[in-house]
């Protein structure tokens, strides 16, 4: 099946049989990515009276209870309710529409000469986006370099475990009118930024320190973290399909899928 998208008087086509899955498969009984959590996500048979939800243990069916924190275990999407008292729900903002997205690769730079403190700057993003600067994409997928398969199982620990976005980088993203941002990092912000979550607030159009969702100028925007973009997927334009369950909370496990697009001459 062919999918056609029309934006700003231009048209693109994607083949629904050809796509790339950017979600990290969460192995409940094996290695898995983890951020800001002492324990990994887990699965155990449900217990109800004499019933134990395991065919291996004699039950008629398998029925597991899953324990995880969406923000900490695997690929997830979050909304402005992540940083506000209003507790806006991800289910109120989804299903997200299909959108034209740019996939960009960038190598974080050392911040103020600190080798362990690496940042994604506006200059780097603008340089990576230059070939598609005039295209009307509103989705953005950022792949950081180096990009090894260890990202799929990395436990992010320590005071600054991963690169993060500078304020100018986030302002550049906002100025590009990106409404769905997908990153292969555990957070947009520095892990120990004193609780400011400055990049998150910049993305949602919140004043520094604000916790009132009604102040957010971009309350409909979505952030997807802990994705993985394999090396064989080239930078360029894609159709982004963000698959999210209808969870009544500020974040949920998610599955961003991208389809290569070809512009159709009109």
Protein backbone atom coordinates (compact mmCIF):
# COMPACT_ATOMS: atom_id res chain seq x y z
CA UNK A 1 0.00 0.00 0.00
CA UNK A 2 1.27 3.44 -0.93
CA UNK A 3 0.78 6.40 1.39
CA UNK A 4 0.77 9.94 0.02
CA UNK A 5 1.28 13.09 2.06
CA UNK A 6 0.66 16.64 0.86
CA UNK A 7 2.22 19.62 2.64
CA UNK A 8 2.72 23.22 1.57
CA UNK A 9 1.70 22.40 -1.99
CA UNK A 10 4.22 19.52 -2.24
CA UNK A 11 3.60 15.77 -2.19
CA UNK A 12 5.54 12.79 -0.85
CA UNK A 13 4.93 9.05 -1.18
CA UNK A 14 5.86 6.17 1.15
CA UNK A 15 5.51 2.40 0.82
CA UNK A 16 3.79 0.90 3.89
CA UNK A 17 5.74 -2.35 3.43
CA UNK A 18 9.11 -0.60 3.84
CA UNK A 19 9.77 0.89 7.25
CA UNK A 20 12.26 1.14 10.12
CA UNK A 21 11.30 0.47 13.74
CA UNK A 22 13.08 2.89 16.11
CA UNK A 23 11.86 1.31 19.36
CA UNK A 24 14.18 -0.70 21.57
CA UNK A 25 12.65 -4.11 22.28
CA UNK A 26 12.27 -4.35 26.05
CA UNK A 27 13.55 -7.73 27.23
CA UNK A 28 12.01 -8.30 30.66
CA UNK A 29 14.27 -11.27 31.37
CA UNK A 30 17.44 -9.97 29.70
CA UNK A 31 19.67 -6.93 29.21
CA UNK A 32 17.71 -3.71 28.80
CA UNK A 33 18.32 0.05 28.81
CA UNK A 34 17.76 1.84 32.11
CA UNK A 35 17.89 5.46 33.23
CA UNK A 36 17.31 6.95 36.68
CA UNK A 37 16.00 3.67 38.09
CA UNK A 38 17.62 1.29 40.56
CA UNK A 39 15.88 -1.80 39.23
CA UNK A 40 15.19 -3.06 35.70
CA UNK A 41 11.71 -3.54 34.27
CA UNK A 42 10.36 -6.97 35.19
CA UNK A 43 7.64 -9.50 34.38
CA UNK A 44 6.16 -12.14 36.69
CA UNK A 45 3.15 -14.50 36.47
CA UNK A 46 -0.03 -13.04 37.94
CA UNK A 47 -1.20 -14.65 41.19
CA UNK A 48 -4.93 -14.88 41.87
CA UNK A 49 -5.94 -17.38 44.53
CA UNK A 50 -4.61 -20.74 43.36
CA UNK A 51 -4.06 -19.45 39.82
CA UNK A 52 -0.48 -18.77 38.72
CA UNK A 53 -0.36 -17.22 35.25
CA UNK A 54 2.19 -19.55 33.71
CA UNK A 55 1.52 -22.47 31.36
CA UNK A 56 4.94 -23.82 32.32
CA UNK A 57 3.70 -24.02 35.91
CA UNK A 58 0.46 -25.76 34.98
CA UNK A 59 -1.90 -22.86 34.20
CA UNK A 60 -4.24 -22.82 31.19
CA UNK A 61 -2.65 -19.60 29.89
CA UNK A 62 0.18 -17.16 30.45
CA UNK A 63 -0.70 -13.92 32.22
CA UNK A 64 2.18 -11.71 33.33
CA UNK A 65 2.22 -8.64 35.52
CA UNK A 66 4.65 -6.11 34.07
CA UNK A 67 6.51 -3.66 36.31
CA UNK A 68 8.19 -0.69 34.64
CA UNK A 69 8.55 3.08 34.74
CA UNK A 70 7.94 4.38 31.18
CA UNK A 71 10.36 7.31 31.67
CA UNK A 72 13.14 4.98 32.81
CA UNK A 73 12.78 1.68 30.97
CA UNK A 74 13.04 1.62 27.19
CA UNK A 75 11.58 3.71 24.37
CA UNK A 76 8.79 6.00 25.58
CA UNK A 77 6.85 9.12 24.63
CA UNK A 78 5.97 11.88 27.08
CA UNK A 79 3.87 15.03 27.11
CA UNK A 80 3.98 18.34 28.99
CA UNK A 81 2.36 16.62 31.99
CA UNK A 82 5.83 15.25 32.72
CA UNK A 83 6.82 18.59 34.30
CA UNK A 84 3.51 20.11 35.41
CA UNK A 85 1.09 19.71 38.30
CA UNK A 86 -1.85 19.41 35.91
CA UNK A 87 -0.92 15.83 34.99
CA UNK A 88 -1.90 16.13 31.35
CA UNK A 89 -2.36 12.63 29.89
CA UNK A 90 -0.59 11.23 26.86
CA UNK A 91 -3.88 9.59 25.80
CA UNK A 92 -5.42 13.05 25.31
CA UNK A 93 -2.77 13.95 22.71
CA UNK A 94 -2.73 10.70 20.74
CA UNK A 95 -3.09 9.02 18.30
CA UNK A 96 -0.47 11.31 16.79
CA UNK A 97 -1.02 12.09 13.10
CA UNK A 98 1.40 10.83 10.50
CA UNK A 99 3.91 13.56 9.76
CA UNK A 100 6.89 14.39 7.60
CA UNK A 101 10.05 14.04 9.70
CA UNK A 102 13.75 14.66 9.21
CA UNK A 103 16.30 12.15 10.51
CA UNK A 104 19.54 13.91 11.41
CA UNK A 105 22.82 12.53 12.74
CA UNK A 106 25.06 14.68 14.92
CA UNK A 107 28.13 14.21 17.08
CA UNK A 108 27.79 15.96 20.45
CA UNK A 109 30.49 18.44 21.42
CA UNK A 110 32.39 18.83 24.68
CA UNK A 111 30.77 21.44 26.90
CA UNK A 112 33.17 24.07 28.31
CA UNK A 113 36.11 21.75 27.77
CA UNK A 114 34.65 18.97 29.91
CA UNK A 115 35.13 15.68 28.03
CA UNK A 116 32.46 13.89 30.10
CA UNK A 117 29.91 16.66 29.56
CA UNK A 118 28.74 16.48 25.95
CA UNK A 119 26.03 18.58 24.35
CA UNK A 120 24.00 18.90 21.16
CA UNK A 121 24.13 22.48 19.91
CA UNK A 122 22.00 24.48 17.50
CA UNK A 123 24.94 24.88 15.11
CA UNK A 124 25.39 21.12 14.85
CA UNK A 125 21.68 20.52 14.27
CA UNK A 126 21.44 23.28 11.65
CA UNK A 127 24.46 21.88 9.79
CA UNK A 128 22.98 18.37 9.77
CA UNK A 129 19.59 19.70 8.61
CA UNK A 130 20.95 21.92 5.82
CA UNK A 131 20.08 19.54 2.92
CA UNK A 132 16.43 19.54 4.06
CA UNK A 133 16.22 23.06 5.50
CA UNK A 134 13.57 24.15 2.99
CA UNK A 135 11.32 21.11 3.46
CA UNK A 136 8.18 21.39 5.67
CA UNK A 137 8.94 18.69 8.23
CA UNK A 138 7.44 18.94 11.71
CA UNK A 139 8.89 15.71 13.08
CA UNK A 140 12.55 15.39 14.03
CA UNK A 141 14.58 12.27 14.79
CA UNK A 142 18.05 12.88 16.24
CA UNK A 143 20.71 10.14 16.10
CA UNK A 144 23.85 10.82 18.14
CA UNK A 145 27.31 9.71 17.05
CA UNK A 146 28.97 7.35 17.98
CA UNK A 147 26.04 5.02 17.53
CA UNK A 148 26.76 1.49 18.73
CA UNK A 149 24.29 -1.33 19.51
CA UNK A 150 25.23 -0.95 23.19
CA UNK A 151 22.61 1.82 23.31
CA UNK A 152 19.97 -0.91 23.29
CA UNK A 153 21.06 -2.23 26.69
CA UNK A 154 22.95 0.68 28.26
CA UNK A 155 22.38 1.49 31.91
CA UNK A 156 22.77 5.25 32.17
CA UNK A 157 24.31 6.02 35.55
CA UNK A 158 26.45 8.77 37.04
CA UNK A 159 26.14 12.54 37.24
CA UNK A 160 26.19 13.13 33.46
CA UNK A 161 25.60 9.77 31.76
CA UNK A 162 24.58 10.95 28.29
CA UNK A 163 24.72 13.95 25.94
CA UNK A 164 21.94 16.52 26.28
CA UNK A 165 20.49 19.49 24.39
CA UNK A 166 21.65 23.05 24.96
CA UNK A 167 19.09 25.83 25.29
CA UNK A 168 20.03 27.20 21.87
CA UNK A 169 19.53 23.76 20.32
CA UNK A 170 16.07 23.51 21.80
CA UNK A 171 15.20 27.03 20.63
CA UNK A 172 16.29 26.01 17.12
CA UNK A 173 13.99 22.97 17.30
CA UNK A 174 11.09 25.12 18.49
CA UNK A 175 11.71 27.70 15.76
CA UNK A 176 11.56 24.85 13.23
CA UNK A 177 8.05 24.16 14.63
CA UNK A 178 8.90 20.56 15.49
CA UNK A 179 5.87 19.03 17.19
CA UNK A 180 7.25 15.50 17.64
CA UNK A 181 10.88 15.05 18.69
CA UNK A 182 12.47 11.57 18.79
CA UNK A 183 15.93 11.12 20.35
CA UNK A 184 18.21 8.20 21.15
CA UNK A 185 19.07 9.72 24.55
CA UNK A 186 17.51 8.97 27.95
CA UNK A 187 16.57 12.64 28.43
CA UNK A 188 16.63 15.99 26.63
CA UNK A 189 18.32 17.42 29.72
CA UNK A 190 21.45 16.85 31.73
CA UNK A 191 20.79 14.10 34.25
CA UNK A 192 21.73 16.32 37.19
CA UNK A 193 20.52 19.77 36.15
CA UNK A 194 19.13 20.52 39.60
CA UNK A 195 15.59 19.63 38.58
CA UNK A 196 15.28 22.53 36.12
CA UNK A 197 14.55 20.32 33.08
CA UNK A 198 15.32 23.42 31.05
CA UNK A 199 15.32 21.74 27.63
CA UNK A 200 11.98 20.06 28.30
CA UNK A 201 10.42 23.36 29.35
CA UNK A 202 11.90 25.15 26.33
CA UNK A 203 10.44 22.50 24.03
CA UNK A 204 6.96 22.82 25.54
CA UNK A 205 7.12 26.61 25.69
CA UNK A 206 7.05 26.80 29.47
CA UNK A 207 8.74 29.56 31.48
CA UNK A 208 11.71 28.40 33.63
CA UNK A 209 10.45 26.51 36.65
CA UNK A 210 6.78 26.72 35.61
CA UNK A 211 4.54 23.80 36.62
CA UNK A 212 1.23 25.11 35.25
CA UNK A 213 0.37 23.38 31.95
CA UNK A 214 -1.86 26.27 30.90
CA UNK A 215 1.32 28.36 30.52
CA UNK A 216 2.74 25.99 27.92
CA UNK A 217 2.77 27.55 24.46
CA UNK A 218 3.36 24.13 22.85
CA UNK A 219 1.28 21.86 25.08
CA UNK A 220 0.45 19.53 22.15
CA UNK A 221 4.10 18.69 21.40
CA UNK A 222 5.50 15.22 22.14
CA UNK A 223 8.95 13.96 23.12
CA UNK A 224 10.15 10.40 22.50
CA UNK A 225 13.30 9.28 24.32
CA UNK A 226 15.51 6.17 24.38
CA UNK A 227 14.86 5.31 20.75
CA UNK A 228 17.51 3.57 18.64
CA UNK A 229 18.32 4.49 15.03
CA UNK A 230 20.42 1.79 13.34
CA UNK A 231 23.44 2.88 11.29
CA UNK A 232 21.98 1.52 8.05
CA UNK A 233 19.12 4.04 8.14
CA UNK A 234 20.31 7.10 6.18
CA UNK A 235 19.69 10.69 7.17
CA UNK A 236 16.84 12.27 5.25
CA UNK A 237 13.07 12.65 5.10
CA UNK A 238 10.62 10.05 6.39
CA UNK A 239 7.00 9.60 7.30
CA UNK A 240 6.82 9.26 11.10
CA UNK A 241 4.21 6.98 12.65
CA UNK A 242 4.31 7.32 16.43
CA UNK A 243 2.52 4.33 17.99
CA UNK A 244 1.47 4.91 21.63
CA UNK A 245 -0.98 2.98 23.86
CA UNK A 246 -3.89 4.90 25.41
CA UNK A 247 -2.35 5.31 28.86
CA UNK A 248 -3.96 7.83 31.20
CA UNK A 249 -0.64 9.21 32.43
CA UNK A 250 2.02 11.64 31.26
CA UNK A 251 4.11 9.03 29.43
CA UNK A 252 3.83 5.58 27.90
CA UNK A 253 6.06 3.02 26.18
CA UNK A 254 6.01 3.77 22.47
CA UNK A 255 7.09 2.58 19.04
CA UNK A 256 8.22 5.24 16.55
CA UNK A 257 8.21 3.81 13.03
CA UNK A 258 9.56 5.71 10.03
CA UNK A 259 8.88 5.17 6.32
CA UNK A 260 11.27 6.51 3.64
CA UNK A 261 9.52 9.01 1.39
CA UNK A 262 9.99 10.09 -2.20
CA UNK A 263 8.79 13.49 -3.39
CA UNK A 264 6.27 13.34 -6.21
CA UNK A 265 6.54 15.91 -8.96
CA UNK A 266 3.35 17.95 -9.29
